[in-house]
Amino acid sequence: MGSALGAGWVAGGARVLTSVVGRSDRTRTLAEAAGLDLAATLDEVVAQCDFVASVVPPASAVSCAEKIALAAKRRDVHPLVIDLNAIAPSTVRQIGVRLAEAGCDLLDGSVSGAPPTSDSAPTRVYVCGPRAEELIQLPNPWIDVVQLAGPVGSASALKMCTASMYKGTHALVMQALLTAEANGVSEPFLDDTARRWPADVPHWHIDVAVAASKGWRFVDEMNEIAQTQADAGLPAGLFEGVAAAYEWAARTELGHADPEHVDLSASVESVVAGLRVRGS
């Protein structure tokens, strides 16, 4: 997602700088392919950029913000920080406090949809905060920025709600496919659900395969959803269970695949086979 958003800003005429220190070779390859300039350190990114966008795994969002704050203090700069991570409102408010201590303003943002590309419809990005207009005016032809009313935390709250539907549904389908296969009722299961969702069922298994390839990242996101729902006075157990489903998925053959290498022509049978935990 980070490289795709960066590529869109490059397409809009901006110079986009990033640091891939400590990240995988895949991350470096994606950043280079997107036309991003690679900095040796995060300090360089913070010192040279007017906007700093944080797009990291949810479990790293707070530590990333702390590193940005420390870099801003060291370099005596005050970039506008845009948190685009899938995190709970309470988490983003914690980030806002830390950044404010370093003199940096925060925009709370959330991305709805797949990573943007030049040949797809723009990906929706929701944002809230007192300087949201600055992000809206930053050219990026690949995204559709929508400003939300309300305080910092509103965009993250929306992300937690939409992600609970999109990714929660994929987890439900994954569990149902595996359970149906274990009981020998895969074909009747798909036939029956297709009566209700005729446009969706034919590609359910591909949606699940792609979700499984991101399972390791989704675990913490589902826990953030659980926290958000608990903060709303609801039971946290529902999405703690979804987090467990994605933890399972991360240990499967599909869970060890890169999203861009998932076979989009795979059969239901091969996807179900790829959802068995390695060694089981």
Protein backbone atom coordinates (compact mmCIF):
# COMPACT_ATOMS: atom_id res chain seq x y z
CA MET A 1 0.00 0.00 0.00
CA GLY A 2 2.78 2.46 0.88
CA SER A 3 4.58 2.05 -2.42
CA ALA A 4 1.32 2.36 -4.37
CA LEU A 5 0.32 5.57 -2.59
CA GLY A 6 3.83 6.90 -3.12
CA ALA A 7 3.67 6.09 -6.83
CA GLY A 8 0.47 8.12 -7.06
CA TRP A 9 2.13 11.15 -5.50
CA VAL A 10 5.04 10.73 -7.90
CA ALA A 11 2.50 10.66 -10.75
CA GLY A 12 1.11 13.90 -9.33
CA GLY A 13 4.51 15.55 -9.64
CA ALA A 14 5.91 15.18 -6.12
CA ARG A 15 9.27 13.86 -5.06
CA VAL A 16 8.59 10.99 -2.68
CA LEU A 17 11.28 9.87 -0.28
CA THR A 18 11.14 6.74 1.85
CA SER A 19 13.32 4.59 4.05
CA VAL A 20 13.30 0.80 3.79
CA VAL A 21 15.86 0.20 6.53
CA GLY A 22 14.91 -3.01 8.32
CA ARG A 23 12.27 -3.88 5.72
CA SER A 24 12.26 -6.87 3.38
CA ASP A 25 13.80 -7.15 -0.07
CA ARG A 26 10.23 -7.23 -1.41
CA THR A 27 9.51 -3.84 0.17
CA ARG A 28 12.66 -2.36 -1.37
CA THR A 29 11.76 -3.76 -4.79
CA LEU A 30 8.21 -2.35 -4.59
CA ALA A 31 9.49 1.07 -3.52
CA GLU A 32 12.02 1.22 -6.33
CA ALA A 33 9.47 0.07 -8.90
CA ALA A 34 7.12 2.83 -7.70
CA GLY A 35 9.74 5.49 -8.44
CA LEU A 36 10.38 6.40 -4.83
CA ASP A 37 13.73 7.80 -3.75
CA LEU A 38 15.36 5.72 -1.02
CA ALA A 39 16.86 7.50 1.97
CA ALA A 40 19.49 5.98 4.20
CA THR A 41 17.58 6.83 7.38
CA LEU A 42 14.17 7.92 8.59
CA ASP A 43 15.81 11.12 9.84
CA GLU A 44 16.52 12.07 6.22
CA VAL A 45 12.90 11.50 5.26
CA VAL A 46 11.60 13.63 8.13
CA ALA A 47 14.14 16.40 7.53
CA GLN A 48 13.52 16.72 3.79
CA CYS A 49 9.75 16.26 3.50
CA ASP A 50 6.83 18.61 4.11
CA PHE A 51 4.48 15.64 4.53
CA VAL A 52 5.36 12.35 6.22
CA ALA A 53 2.91 9.49 5.62
CA SER A 54 3.02 6.47 7.92
CA VAL A 55 1.92 3.26 6.17
CA VAL A 56 3.19 0.32 8.21
CA PRO A 57 1.82 -2.88 9.76
CA PRO A 58 -0.65 -1.92 12.52
CA ALA A 59 1.57 -3.29 15.29
CA SER A 60 4.33 -0.88 14.20
CA ALA A 61 2.19 2.27 13.98
CA VAL A 62 2.98 3.64 17.45
CA SER A 63 6.70 2.87 17.31
CA CYS A 64 6.89 4.42 13.84
CA ALA A 65 5.25 7.59 15.12
CA GLU A 66 7.69 7.69 18.02
CA LYS A 67 10.61 7.41 15.59
CA ILE A 68 9.17 10.22 13.46
CA ALA A 69 8.77 12.39 16.57
CA LEU A 70 12.34 11.74 17.68
CA ALA A 71 13.67 12.50 14.19
CA ALA A 72 11.69 15.75 14.07
CA LYS A 73 13.17 16.82 17.39
CA ARG A 74 16.71 15.92 16.30
CA ARG A 75 16.41 17.84 13.05
CA ASP A 76 14.25 20.67 14.49
CA VAL A 77 11.61 20.26 11.77
CA HIS A 78 7.84 19.99 11.92
CA PRO A 79 6.39 18.07 8.96
CA LEU A 80 2.67 17.33 8.74
CA VAL A 81 2.31 13.65 9.65
CA ILE A 82 -0.43 11.59 8.00
CA ASP A 83 -1.19 8.33 9.77
CA LEU A 84 -2.79 5.97 7.24
CA ASN A 85 -2.55 2.82 9.32
CA ALA A 86 -5.36 0.41 10.18
CA ILE A 87 -5.51 1.20 13.89
CA ALA A 88 -8.07 1.95 16.57
CA PRO A 89 -9.07 5.57 17.31
CA SER A 90 -7.53 5.22 20.77
CA THR A 91 -4.24 4.20 19.14
CA VAL A 92 -4.21 7.14 16.74
CA ARG A 93 -4.97 9.55 19.58
CA GLN A 94 -1.97 8.14 21.44
CA ILE A 95 0.10 8.82 18.33
CA GLY A 96 -1.23 12.37 18.17
CA VAL A 97 -0.06 13.11 21.70
CA ARG A 98 3.43 11.83 20.94
CA LEU A 99 3.74 13.85 17.73
CA ALA A 100 2.42 17.00 19.39
CA GLU A 101 5.24 16.77 21.91
CA ALA A 102 7.61 17.06 18.93
CA GLY A 103 5.70 19.99 17.46
CA CYS A 104 4.17 17.98 14.60
CA ASP A 105 0.54 18.14 13.55
CA LEU A 106 -1.30 14.90 12.79
CA LEU A 107 -3.82 13.98 10.13
CA ASP A 108 -5.82 10.85 10.86
CA GLY A 109 -6.34 8.94 7.63
CA SER A 110 -7.66 5.60 6.42
CA VAL A 111 -7.47 3.82 3.08
CA SER A 112 -10.53 1.98 1.80
CA GLY A 113 -9.82 -0.51 -0.93
CA ALA A 114 -6.91 -2.11 -2.71
CA PRO A 115 -3.58 -0.37 -3.38
CA PRO A 116 -4.15 2.22 -6.11
CA THR A 117 -2.80 1.83 -9.64
CA SER A 118 -2.69 3.98 -12.74
CA ASP A 119 -5.27 1.84 -14.55
CA SER A 120 -7.88 1.36 -11.81
CA ALA A 121 -10.55 3.56 -10.30
CA PRO A 122 -9.12 5.88 -7.62
CA THR A 123 -8.78 4.36 -4.16
CA ARG A 124 -10.75 6.18 -1.48
CA VAL A 125 -8.72 7.82 1.31
CA TYR A 126 -10.58 9.33 4.25
CA VAL A 127 -8.88 11.99 6.33
CA CYS A 128 -9.70 14.22 9.27
CA GLY A 129 -7.81 16.84 11.21
CA PRO A 130 -7.35 20.64 11.17
CA ARG A 131 -4.97 20.57 8.16
CA ALA A 132 -6.80 18.02 6.02
CA GLU A 133 -7.11 20.49 3.14
CA GLU A 134 -3.34 20.32 2.63
CA LEU A 135 -3.50 16.62 1.81
CA ILE A 136 -6.53 17.15 -0.43
CA GLN A 137 -4.54 19.74 -2.42
CA LEU A 138 -1.50 17.45 -2.79
CA PRO A 139 -1.89 16.03 -6.32
CA ASN A 140 -2.32 12.27 -6.49
CA PRO A 141 -4.42 11.10 -9.47
CA TRP A 142 -4.69 7.59 -8.04
CA ILE A 143 -6.63 8.44 -4.88
CA ASP A 144 -9.92 10.13 -3.99
CA VAL A 145 -9.44 12.04 -0.74
CA VAL A 146 -12.59 12.60 1.32
CA GLN A 147 -12.52 14.87 4.36
CA LEU A 148 -14.48 13.67 7.38
CA ALA A 149 -16.01 15.92 10.00
CA GLY A 150 -15.07 15.22 13.57
CA PRO A 151 -11.88 15.00 15.61
CA VAL A 152 -8.75 12.95 15.02
CA GLY A 153 -9.82 9.34 15.37
CA SER A 154 -12.86 9.59 13.10
CA ALA A 155 -11.05 8.30 10.00
CA SER A 156 -9.56 5.43 11.96
CA ALA A 157 -12.96 4.61 13.44
CA LEU A 158 -14.40 4.41 9.93
CA LYS A 159 -11.54 2.14 8.85
CA MET A 160 -12.22 -0.18 11.76
CA CYS A 161 -15.88 -0.41 10.73
CA THR A 162 -15.27 -0.97 7.03
CA ALA A 163 -12.39 -3.38 7.60
CA SER A 164 -14.55 -5.37 10.00
CA MET A 165 -16.94 -5.97 7.10
CA TYR A 166 -14.48 -6.55 4.27
CA LYS A 167 -11.82 -8.57 6.04
CA GLY A 168 -14.22 -10.09 8.53
CA THR A 169 -16.28 -11.43 5.64
CA HIS A 170 -13.20 -12.97 4.03
CA ALA A 171 -12.39 -14.72 7.31
CA LEU A 172 -15.96 -16.06 7.56
CA VAL A 173 -15.78 -17.40 4.00
CA MET A 174 -12.37 -18.96 4.66
CA GLN A 175 -13.65 -20.78 7.75
CA ALA A 176 -16.81 -21.88 5.94
CA LEU A 177 -14.86 -23.23 2.93
CA LEU A 178 -12.55 -25.22 5.18
CA THR A 179 -15.42 -26.55 7.27
CA ALA A 180 -17.43 -27.50 4.18
CA GLU A 181 -14.43 -29.33 2.71
CA ALA A 182 -13.82 -31.19 5.98
CA ASN A 183 -17.42 -32.42 5.95
CA GLY A 184 -17.69 -33.19 2.25
CA VAL A 185 -20.26 -30.50 1.47
CA SER A 186 -18.19 -27.99 -0.52
CA GLU A 187 -20.30 -28.10 -3.67
CA PRO A 188 -23.69 -27.80 -1.91
CA PHE A 189 -22.28 -24.98 0.22
CA LEU A 190 -21.22 -22.97 -2.84
CA ASP A 191 -24.43 -23.77 -4.71
CA ASP A 192 -26.61 -22.62 -1.82
CA THR A 193 -24.71 -19.40 -1.07
CA ALA A 194 -24.64 -18.54 -4.79
CA ARG A 195 -28.43 -18.26 -4.67
CA ARG A 196 -28.00 -15.33 -2.26
CA TRP A 197 -24.77 -13.83 -3.60
CA PRO A 198 -24.57 -14.89 -7.27
CA ALA A 199 -22.04 -12.20 -8.23
CA ASP A 200 -19.74 -12.83 -5.28
CA VAL A 201 -19.50 -16.57 -4.75
CA PRO A 202 -17.59 -17.33 -7.99
CA HIS A 203 -14.61 -15.29 -6.78
CA TRP A 204 -14.93 -15.88 -3.03
CA HIS A 205 -12.04 -18.34 -3.00
CA ILE A 206 -9.72 -15.86 -4.76
CA ASP A 207 -10.65 -13.14 -2.28
CA VAL A 208 -9.81 -15.55 0.50
CA ALA A 209 -6.50 -16.55 -1.10
CA VAL A 210 -5.40 -12.91 -1.36
CA ALA A 211 -6.53 -12.21 2.21
CA ALA A 212 -4.59 -15.25 3.47
CA SER A 213 -1.43 -13.94 1.80
CA LYS A 214 -1.79 -10.85 4.01
CA GLY A 215 -2.83 -12.84 7.08
CA TRP A 216 0.20 -11.96 9.19
CA ARG A 217 -0.60 -8.26 8.76
CA PHE A 218 -4.32 -8.68 9.35
CA VAL A 219 -3.89 -10.29 12.78
CA ASP A 220 -2.99 -7.01 14.47
CA GLU A 221 -5.58 -5.11 12.44
CA MET A 222 -8.30 -7.45 13.69
CA ASN A 223 -7.10 -6.92 17.25
CA GLU A 224 -7.33 -3.15 16.68
CA ILE A 225 -10.92 -3.67 15.51
CA ALA A 226 -11.60 -5.72 18.65
CA GLN A 227 -10.24 -2.85 20.76
CA THR A 228 -12.37 -0.33 18.87
CA GLN A 229 -15.50 -2.37 19.43
CA ALA A 230 -14.63 -2.87 23.10
CA ASP A 231 -14.19 0.91 23.45
CA ALA A 232 -17.72 1.22 22.01
CA GLY A 233 -19.03 -1.03 24.79
CA LEU A 234 -19.27 -4.14 22.61
CA PRO A 235 -17.78 -7.62 23.10
CA ALA A 236 -14.19 -7.84 21.86
CA GLY A 237 -14.36 -11.61 21.38
CA LEU A 238 -15.85 -11.51 17.88
CA PHE A 239 -12.80 -9.97 16.27
CA GLU A 240 -10.36 -11.62 18.60
CA GLY A 241 -11.71 -14.76 16.92
CA VAL A 242 -11.22 -13.25 13.47
CA ALA A 243 -7.64 -12.41 14.47
CA ALA A 244 -7.15 -16.07 15.38
CA ALA A 245 -8.48 -17.09 11.95
CA TYR A 246 -5.93 -14.88 10.22
CA GLU A 247 -3.20 -16.16 12.53
CA TRP A 248 -4.09 -19.62 11.21
CA ALA A 249 -4.07 -18.32 7.62
CA ALA A 250 -0.61 -16.81 8.08
CA ARG A 251 0.78 -20.28 8.82
CA THR A 252 -0.58 -21.88 5.63
CA GLU A 253 0.95 -22.25 2.19
CA LEU A 254 -1.08 -19.27 0.97
CA GLY A 255 -0.06 -17.33 4.05
CA HIS A 256 3.56 -17.64 2.96
CA ALA A 257 2.85 -16.27 -0.53
CA ASP A 258 3.31 -12.66 -1.60
CA PRO A 259 -0.04 -11.04 -2.54
CA GLU A 260 1.14 -10.22 -6.06
CA HIS A 261 2.01 -13.88 -6.64
CA VAL A 262 -1.39 -15.34 -5.73
CA ASP A 263 -2.78 -17.34 -8.67
CA LEU A 264 -5.96 -15.49 -9.61
CA SER A 265 -7.08 -18.42 -11.77
CA ALA A 266 -6.80 -20.98 -8.97
CA SER A 267 -9.63 -23.43 -8.39
CA VAL A 268 -11.62 -23.65 -5.18
CA GLU A 269 -9.96 -27.01 -4.45
CA SER A 270 -6.44 -25.64 -4.79
CA VAL A 271 -7.22 -22.65 -2.59
CA VAL A 272 -8.67 -24.89 0.12
CA ALA A 273 -5.58 -27.10 -0.12
CA GLY A 274 -3.40 -24.02 0.26
CA LEU A 275 -5.25 -23.08 3.42
CA ARG A 276 -3.99 -26.09 5.33
CA VAL A 277 -1.40 -25.21 7.95
CA ARG A 278 2.07 -26.35 6.94
CA GLY A 279 2.82 -29.73 8.43
CA SER A 280 -0.82 -30.48 9.30
